[in-house]
Each structure stands twice: as structure tokens, then as C-alpha cells.
Amino acid sequence: MNKSLLISIILPVYNGEEFLHEAIGSCLNQSIENWELIIVDDCSLDQSIKIAKDYQTRDNRIKIVENKVNKKLPFSLNAGFKLAKGDYITWTSDDNLLKPSFLENLLNRLIQTKSDFIYSNYDIIDKYGNHIKNQTVGITEELLFQNIIGPSFLGKASVFKNNFYDVDLFRIEDYAFWLSNLPGLKCKSVEESLYKYRVHGSSLTTEITTTGGFKRELIEQMFKKLQDTFSYDRVIKQFLILNHLNKKEASIYLLENQKTIIKSILKVHNDSFQGSVDNIFNAHIKHYEKLLDFLIFTKSLLVGFNIVKNHNYSIQTLSWLLIYTLKRIKRIIINIYQ
């Protein structure tokens, strides 16, 4: 690894005093030293800026930006990206933690694979830092169906400095950013867990969960904006919206428009994503299966045949259809005898 390479870590803060010491400490504790930490304070009303300035007096790698008015997360991230001088960029939250080998492992992997963007599995912890579970990430071909990237990542500076977060999509800004910018890039994942994502009462994840998930207008706005990026029609847009908001409704819509949806989404992936045929099929099947399970057996098979037909008959596709059919039959039998 070239020790002259600089990594910029962007840390947006808003009323983060409870966990900010730990968040900054996890950056200071990295196994490599050639990094800068840009803390962007979004008009915090607590002691966050005082904590940040105290650390800045102890380490000249820390820079601080203070928004003049509260602008929300996407604006703060963009402000940090503009000031970043690193060859590579990542960002973290004021309540999360980087494991000590986070920067070193991601950078090594990115260089070794000659990738543009790298991301890893991560731990989910509670308010007190107790481990809840390990979260695995997916492949970028799944992005149309679900945000599979997670909070543990590193990318070339150009990924972030040439493309900014959408300030109108606060709460789903990261998902919109990945969808808009990652499909045409070389992306790789790392199985090792390198990050700790904290779930607690004030976290955005908790807020989204307790309010019933993403708001419809945000999802609709995001997929409307992405029509120019992926050149899909209104049927695909509606399917993608429903898939994020209501799986049962999405399954019915898939059944009613199966030929158009399966064919068009496959075309989007072939045209826009740097993925193999196998990766694309695996990504599609993983998410289509969730919808097929809502349909009665005969109708799920009908959609299954159309999936296989559009992805071309092969050992892989036909094996999936056989295995899925057997699983559905098994479940039917179990339900009959319960």
C-alpha cells in the first residue's frame, strides 16, 4: 500500500454529543495514519461543536466546518466532500464506530482489485455498544430492489467529488446516491465486518422504522429522478416504488405486468450495471422470490417460467425453478397437515 495516499473521512454532526467522543476516537484509532477527518457541524444545539474543537486542538488532521443554518445531512455531506483533499473518501455518523482496521483493509482491497468503490459487512450494536448481529451486504446488481451497501465503504475521491447527495432526499440520500452513481463503476464487497452501526432511540434507522418505513413521496421522488438514469417506463417505476413500500401489492403488480417488468428490469441491468449474467440472475431471483411467495402456487409458477424464459434457459435458471417449486409444494403439504 502506498503510504502517501490520503483518505478523507467526512463526519456530519447534529446534536451528537452522546456518542461523538466514541465516533471521533474510532477515527483516531485507525491502524493507518494518513487520513484527514472533516467534521461538519449542522448547527448543533448541544456540546457537539465543543467536543469537536477539543479534539481538533489535539490532532491537526481534524478539520471543522460549521453550517450557518441547519441544512440536514445531504448538504453537510456535500460540504465535506468539497473540502476533502484525499485520494479516497468515506463518511461516518456521529453515533457509529470504525473498527481499527477499517481504513487499512478497505484501502488494500480497493487497490488490489483495482476497484472504484469497496464496501464491507458490518456489526449492528445497541445504544450501549453491545453486539446485536452481523449484517452482510449484497451485490450492486440488487440495488434496484434494495439498498444493500450499508455504512461501511470507501471510494475513489471522484465518486463523491463529481457527484453530490440530493438535498431533497433526506433520509434516503445514501440509497439515491448509490443508485445514481455505482452501477457503472467497478465495485467489490469485503466479507469481513469492519464497522459498528449503532441502533438507538435517536438514530435515523429507528426514526424510519417507528414511522412505518420510508415515506411514499420520497420513494416516488427518487425513482422519478432515476428514470433519466436508467431509461425505464412508468410500469417499472411503479413496480420499484411498490417493491419498497408494500411487497404484497408489488407481487400483484408483478403478476399483472410480468412480461414487461421482468424483461425491462433485465435490460436495465444489462445496459447500466457492470455485472455478470449469473450475478444479475441471482440478484433478481433473491428479490422476486419474496414477491412470488405472496402469490398462489400456480400463479407463482407462471411468473417463475417467465423469469426463466427472459434470463434464458440454463442449468442455473431451471435448477432454481425446480428447487423453488419443490419448496412451495413442501410448504403446501405442511400447511395441510398442521
Protein backbone atom coordinates (compact mmCIF):
# COMPACT_ATOMS: atom_id res chain seq x y z
CA MET A 1 0.00 0.00 0.00
CA ASN A 2 1.30 3.47 -0.95
CA LYS A 3 1.69 5.33 2.34
CA SER A 4 1.39 8.70 0.59
CA LEU A 5 -2.26 8.08 -0.25
CA LEU A 6 -4.59 10.26 1.80
CA ILE A 7 -8.07 9.21 2.94
CA SER A 8 -10.73 11.78 3.81
CA ILE A 9 -13.30 10.83 6.44
CA ILE A 10 -16.40 13.04 6.50
CA LEU A 11 -18.24 13.15 9.82
CA PRO A 12 -21.53 15.11 9.80
CA VAL A 13 -22.79 16.02 13.27
CA TYR A 14 -26.11 17.24 14.58
CA ASN A 15 -26.70 17.11 18.34
CA GLY A 16 -24.41 14.11 18.57
CA GLU A 17 -22.76 14.75 21.94
CA GLU A 18 -23.85 11.40 23.41
CA PHE A 19 -21.67 9.26 21.13
CA LEU A 20 -19.38 11.78 19.40
CA HIS A 21 -16.38 11.04 21.65
CA GLU A 22 -16.53 7.39 20.60
CA ALA A 23 -17.05 8.20 16.92
CA ILE A 24 -14.05 10.54 16.75
CA GLY A 25 -12.00 8.15 18.89
CA SER A 26 -12.61 5.33 16.42
CA CYS A 27 -11.14 7.52 13.66
CA LEU A 28 -8.09 8.38 15.75
CA ASN A 29 -7.59 4.69 16.49
CA GLN A 30 -7.12 3.60 12.86
CA SER A 31 -4.24 1.26 12.04
CA ILE A 32 -3.02 3.67 9.34
CA GLU A 33 -2.29 7.34 9.98
CA ASN A 34 -2.56 9.11 6.61
CA TRP A 35 -6.11 10.42 6.87
CA GLU A 36 -7.98 13.66 7.50
CA LEU A 37 -11.21 13.95 9.45
CA ILE A 38 -13.63 16.65 8.31
CA ILE A 39 -16.32 17.25 10.93
CA VAL A 40 -19.33 19.15 9.57
CA ASP A 41 -21.49 20.54 12.38
CA ASP A 42 -25.06 21.28 11.29
CA CYS A 43 -25.91 23.92 13.91
CA SER A 44 -25.94 21.52 16.86
CA LEU A 45 -27.69 22.80 19.97
CA ASP A 46 -25.72 20.62 22.37
CA GLN A 47 -21.99 20.29 23.14
CA SER A 48 -21.08 18.66 19.79
CA ILE A 49 -19.05 21.57 18.41
CA LYS A 50 -17.22 21.99 21.71
CA ILE A 51 -16.27 18.30 21.67
CA ALA A 52 -15.12 18.54 18.04
CA LYS A 53 -12.97 21.61 18.71
CA ASP A 54 -11.40 19.97 21.75
CA TYR A 55 -10.25 17.05 19.60
CA GLN A 56 -9.05 19.45 16.90
CA THR A 57 -6.63 21.08 19.36
CA ARG A 58 -5.10 17.65 19.95
CA ASP A 59 -4.82 16.43 16.35
CA ASN A 60 -4.15 18.65 13.33
CA ARG A 61 -5.63 16.06 10.97
CA ILE A 62 -9.08 17.17 12.17
CA LYS A 63 -10.86 19.98 10.32
CA ILE A 64 -14.20 21.53 11.29
CA VAL A 65 -16.92 23.08 9.15
CA GLU A 66 -19.86 24.88 10.77
CA ASN A 67 -23.04 25.32 8.74
CA LYS A 68 -24.52 28.80 9.19
CA VAL A 69 -28.05 27.36 9.33
CA ASN A 70 -29.35 23.82 9.79
CA LYS A 71 -29.20 22.20 6.34
CA LYS A 72 -29.69 18.47 7.10
CA LEU A 73 -27.42 15.52 6.32
CA PRO A 74 -27.13 15.60 2.49
CA PHE A 75 -25.99 19.25 2.49
CA SER A 76 -23.46 18.56 5.27
CA LEU A 77 -22.00 15.62 3.36
CA ASN A 78 -21.64 17.68 0.19
CA ALA A 79 -19.89 20.42 2.19
CA GLY A 80 -17.42 17.85 3.47
CA PHE A 81 -16.78 16.36 0.03
CA LYS A 82 -15.98 19.80 -1.41
CA LEU A 83 -13.23 20.34 1.19
CA ALA A 84 -11.82 16.81 1.07
CA LYS A 85 -8.24 16.55 -0.16
CA GLY A 86 -7.97 12.77 -0.01
CA ASP A 87 -7.38 10.34 -2.85
CA TYR A 88 -10.18 8.28 -1.32
CA ILE A 89 -13.27 9.27 0.65
CA THR A 90 -15.62 7.69 3.17
CA TRP A 91 -18.08 9.10 5.65
CA THR A 92 -19.40 8.01 9.00
CA SER A 93 -22.02 9.12 11.53
CA ASP A 94 -21.66 10.70 14.96
CA ASP A 95 -23.08 7.59 16.66
CA ASN A 96 -21.22 4.86 14.75
CA LEU A 97 -17.74 3.36 15.04
CA LEU A 98 -14.95 2.42 12.65
CA LYS A 99 -13.10 -0.72 13.67
CA PRO A 100 -9.31 -0.18 13.91
CA SER A 101 -8.56 -1.89 10.58
CA PHE A 102 -11.44 -0.20 8.71
CA LEU A 103 -9.39 2.16 6.54
CA GLU A 104 -6.43 -0.16 6.01
CA ASN A 105 -8.44 -3.20 4.96
CA LEU A 106 -10.80 -1.30 2.66
CA LEU A 107 -7.96 0.61 1.01
CA ASN A 108 -5.86 -2.54 0.49
CA ARG A 109 -8.82 -4.37 -1.02
CA LEU A 110 -9.73 -1.45 -3.27
CA ILE A 111 -6.18 -1.20 -4.62
CA GLN A 112 -5.74 -4.96 -5.01
CA THR A 113 -8.95 -5.33 -7.02
CA LYS A 114 -8.44 -2.07 -8.95
CA SER A 115 -11.94 -1.06 -7.96
CA ASP A 116 -13.63 2.33 -7.80
CA PHE A 117 -15.66 1.55 -4.71
CA ILE A 118 -15.39 -1.04 -1.93
CA TYR A 119 -17.80 -1.92 0.90
CA SER A 120 -17.98 -4.45 3.70
CA ASN A 121 -20.16 -6.32 6.16
CA TYR A 122 -20.75 -4.57 9.48
CA ASP A 123 -21.92 -5.13 13.05
CA ILE A 124 -25.18 -3.79 14.43
CA ILE A 125 -24.84 -2.68 18.04
CA ASP A 126 -27.23 -1.24 20.61
CA LYS A 127 -27.05 2.06 22.47
CA TYR A 128 -24.51 0.66 24.91
CA GLY A 129 -22.26 -0.87 22.26
CA ASN A 130 -23.48 -4.44 22.77
CA HIS A 131 -23.38 -6.60 19.66
CA ILE A 132 -26.80 -7.40 18.20
CA LYS A 133 -25.91 -9.12 14.95
CA ASN A 134 -23.59 -9.15 11.95
CA GLN A 135 -25.12 -7.63 8.83
CA THR A 136 -24.00 -8.94 5.45
CA VAL A 137 -24.09 -6.76 2.36
CA GLY A 138 -25.33 -7.76 -1.10
CA ILE A 139 -24.12 -7.24 -4.65
CA THR A 140 -24.64 -4.00 -6.56
CA GLU A 141 -26.97 -5.73 -9.01
CA GLU A 142 -29.51 -5.79 -6.16
CA LEU A 143 -29.60 -2.02 -5.80
CA LEU A 144 -32.80 -1.51 -7.80
CA PHE A 145 -34.57 -3.80 -5.34
CA GLN A 146 -32.92 -2.80 -2.07
CA ASN A 147 -30.16 -0.65 -0.55
CA ILE A 148 -27.55 -3.35 0.02
CA ILE A 149 -24.43 -1.19 0.53
CA GLY A 150 -24.60 -0.33 4.22
CA PRO A 151 -22.49 2.22 6.15
CA SER A 152 -19.04 0.61 5.73
CA PHE A 153 -17.40 1.75 2.47
CA LEU A 154 -14.54 3.56 0.75
CA GLY A 155 -14.41 5.02 -2.73
CA LYS A 156 -12.17 6.95 -5.06
CA ALA A 157 -12.48 10.68 -4.40
CA SER A 158 -14.02 11.21 -7.85
CA VAL A 159 -17.04 9.09 -6.86
CA PHE A 160 -18.01 11.70 -4.27
CA LYS A 161 -16.48 14.95 -5.53
CA ASN A 162 -18.03 14.63 -9.01
CA ASN A 163 -21.42 13.56 -7.71
CA PHE A 164 -23.28 15.11 -4.82
CA TYR A 165 -26.02 13.92 -2.49
CA ASP A 166 -29.54 15.05 -3.35
CA VAL A 167 -30.60 17.56 -0.68
CA ASP A 168 -34.27 16.90 -1.46
CA LEU A 169 -33.98 13.21 -0.48
CA PHE A 170 -33.04 13.49 3.18
CA ARG A 171 -33.31 10.06 4.88
CA ILE A 172 -32.81 8.13 1.64
CA GLU A 173 -29.97 10.28 0.28
CA ASP A 174 -27.43 7.46 0.51
CA TYR A 175 -29.62 4.98 -1.38
CA ALA A 176 -30.32 7.54 -4.13
CA PHE A 177 -26.58 8.29 -4.36
CA TRP A 178 -25.62 4.62 -4.74
CA LEU A 179 -28.30 4.04 -7.37
CA SER A 180 -27.26 7.11 -9.34
CA ASN A 181 -23.51 6.53 -9.28
CA LEU A 182 -22.44 2.94 -8.56
CA PRO A 183 -23.96 0.88 -11.42
CA GLY A 184 -21.34 1.93 -13.97
CA LEU A 185 -18.39 1.57 -11.59
CA LYS A 186 -16.26 -1.39 -10.57
CA CYS A 187 -17.47 -2.25 -7.06
CA LYS A 188 -16.36 -5.05 -4.76
CA SER A 189 -17.50 -6.22 -1.35
CA VAL A 190 -15.47 -7.43 1.63
CA GLU A 191 -16.84 -10.22 3.81
CA GLU A 192 -15.02 -9.04 6.93
CA SER A 193 -17.05 -6.85 9.29
CA LEU A 194 -15.20 -3.53 9.64
CA TYR A 195 -17.77 -1.13 11.11
CA LYS A 196 -20.20 -0.83 14.01
CA TYR A 197 -23.63 0.62 13.26
CA ARG A 198 -25.48 1.77 16.35
CA VAL A 199 -29.28 1.48 16.59
CA HIS A 200 -30.82 3.62 19.33
CA GLY A 201 -33.78 5.87 20.03
CA SER A 202 -32.40 8.92 18.21
CA SER A 203 -30.94 7.17 15.17
CA LEU A 204 -32.38 7.71 11.70
CA THR A 205 -32.91 3.96 11.32
CA THR A 206 -35.11 3.93 14.42
CA GLU A 207 -36.99 7.01 13.22
CA ILE A 208 -37.71 5.41 9.85
CA THR A 209 -38.79 2.13 11.45
CA THR A 210 -41.11 3.70 14.00
CA THR A 211 -42.81 5.86 11.38
CA GLY A 212 -43.65 2.85 9.23
CA GLY A 213 -40.76 2.87 6.80
CA PHE A 214 -39.81 5.28 4.05
CA LYS A 215 -42.36 7.91 3.15
CA ARG A 216 -44.10 7.26 -0.16
CA GLU A 217 -43.39 10.73 -1.53
CA LEU A 218 -39.63 10.30 -1.01
CA ILE A 219 -39.54 6.92 -2.74
CA GLU A 220 -41.69 8.23 -5.59
CA GLN A 221 -39.48 11.28 -5.96
CA MET A 222 -36.31 9.19 -6.02
CA PHE A 223 -37.49 6.73 -8.67
CA LYS A 224 -38.93 9.56 -10.77
CA LYS A 225 -35.50 11.22 -10.80
CA LEU A 226 -33.84 7.91 -11.67
CA GLN A 227 -35.94 7.47 -14.83
CA ASP A 228 -33.39 9.57 -16.73
CA THR A 229 -30.52 7.46 -15.38
CA PHE A 230 -31.98 4.06 -16.23
CA SER A 231 -34.48 4.91 -19.01
CA TYR A 232 -37.33 2.82 -17.59
CA ASP A 233 -41.02 3.45 -18.19
CA ARG A 234 -43.91 4.18 -15.83
CA VAL A 235 -44.66 0.46 -15.30
CA ILE A 236 -41.15 -0.21 -13.98
CA LYS A 237 -41.20 2.96 -11.90
CA GLN A 238 -44.47 1.91 -10.26
CA PHE A 239 -43.17 -1.61 -9.64
CA LEU A 240 -39.98 -0.35 -7.98
CA ILE A 241 -41.97 2.04 -5.79
CA LEU A 242 -44.36 -0.70 -4.68
CA ASN A 243 -41.49 -3.10 -4.07
CA HIS A 244 -40.11 -0.68 -1.47
CA LEU A 245 -43.43 0.19 0.14
CA ASN A 246 -45.68 -2.88 0.03
CA LYS A 247 -44.45 -6.33 -1.02
CA LYS A 248 -47.95 -7.76 -1.34
CA GLU A 249 -49.08 -5.01 -3.69
CA ALA A 250 -45.81 -5.37 -5.60
CA SER A 251 -46.43 -9.11 -6.06
CA ILE A 252 -49.87 -8.48 -7.60
CA TYR A 253 -48.44 -5.76 -9.84
CA LEU A 254 -45.66 -8.14 -10.90
CA LEU A 255 -48.24 -10.79 -11.80
CA GLU A 256 -50.29 -8.34 -13.83
CA ASN A 257 -47.29 -6.90 -15.69
CA GLN A 258 -44.85 -9.78 -15.50
CA LYS A 259 -43.60 -9.84 -19.09
CA THR A 260 -42.90 -6.11 -19.18
CA ILE A 261 -41.34 -5.96 -15.71
CA ILE A 262 -39.05 -8.98 -15.98
CA LYS A 263 -37.83 -8.06 -19.46
CA SER A 264 -37.36 -4.35 -18.74
CA ILE A 265 -35.52 -4.75 -15.42
CA LEU A 266 -33.21 -7.26 -17.05
CA LYS A 267 -32.50 -4.71 -19.79
CA VAL A 268 -31.76 -2.01 -17.19
CA HIS A 269 -29.17 -4.26 -15.58
CA ASN A 270 -27.62 -5.32 -18.87
CA ASP A 271 -27.37 -1.71 -20.03
CA SER A 272 -26.31 0.02 -16.82
CA PHE A 273 -24.64 -2.40 -14.38
CA GLN A 274 -21.19 -3.96 -14.55
CA GLY A 275 -22.42 -7.42 -13.60
CA SER A 276 -22.13 -10.95 -14.87
CA VAL A 277 -25.12 -12.92 -16.18
CA ASP A 278 -25.03 -15.12 -13.07
CA ASN A 279 -24.86 -12.13 -10.70
CA ILE A 280 -27.81 -10.46 -12.37
CA PHE A 281 -29.91 -13.61 -12.24
CA ASN A 282 -29.02 -14.24 -8.59
CA ALA A 283 -29.89 -10.65 -7.68
CA HIS A 284 -33.24 -10.83 -9.45
CA ILE A 285 -34.21 -14.22 -8.04
CA LYS A 286 -33.37 -13.23 -4.48
CA HIS A 287 -35.92 -10.43 -4.62
CA TYR A 288 -38.50 -11.90 -6.97
CA GLU A 289 -38.88 -14.91 -4.66
CA LYS A 290 -40.08 -12.65 -1.85
CA LEU A 291 -42.89 -11.48 -4.13
CA LEU A 292 -43.73 -14.90 -5.57
CA ASP A 293 -44.39 -16.19 -2.06
CA PHE A 294 -47.40 -13.84 -1.85
CA LEU A 295 -49.00 -15.44 -4.94
CA ILE A 296 -50.92 -18.69 -5.07
CA PHE A 297 -48.85 -21.64 -6.22
CA THR A 298 -49.98 -21.80 -9.87
CA LYS A 299 -49.55 -18.08 -10.41
CA SER A 300 -46.11 -18.06 -8.81
CA LEU A 301 -45.05 -20.79 -11.23
CA LEU A 302 -46.36 -18.78 -14.16
CA VAL A 303 -44.22 -15.82 -13.15
CA GLY A 304 -41.31 -18.19 -12.47
CA PHE A 305 -41.48 -19.55 -16.02
CA ASN A 306 -41.38 -16.01 -17.38
CA ILE A 307 -38.32 -15.22 -15.24
CA VAL A 308 -36.51 -18.29 -16.59
CA LYS A 309 -37.57 -17.51 -20.14
CA ASN A 310 -36.24 -13.94 -20.03
CA HIS A 311 -32.99 -14.92 -18.31
CA ASN A 312 -32.54 -17.74 -20.88
CA TYR A 313 -32.94 -21.41 -20.15
CA SER A 314 -29.84 -22.75 -18.45
CA ILE A 315 -28.89 -25.22 -15.75
CA GLN A 316 -28.86 -22.37 -13.22
CA THR A 317 -32.27 -20.93 -14.10
CA LEU A 318 -34.02 -24.28 -14.48
CA SER A 319 -32.47 -25.55 -11.24
CA TRP A 320 -33.82 -22.52 -9.43
CA LEU A 321 -37.33 -23.09 -10.80
CA LEU A 322 -37.27 -26.76 -9.79
CA ILE A 323 -36.00 -26.03 -6.28
CA TYR A 324 -38.46 -23.19 -5.79
CA THR A 325 -41.36 -25.39 -6.95
CA LEU A 326 -40.37 -28.13 -4.51
CA LYS A 327 -40.11 -25.62 -1.65
CA ARG A 328 -43.60 -24.30 -2.38
CA ILE A 329 -45.03 -27.83 -2.57
CA LYS A 330 -43.39 -28.69 0.75
CA ARG A 331 -44.94 -25.64 2.38
CA ILE A 332 -48.35 -26.51 0.97
CA ILE A 333 -48.16 -30.03 2.38
CA ILE A 334 -47.02 -28.76 5.79
CA ASN A 335 -49.92 -26.30 5.91
CA ILE A 336 -52.43 -29.02 5.01
CA TYR A 337 -51.35 -31.27 7.89
CA GLN A 338 -50.99 -28.57 10.51
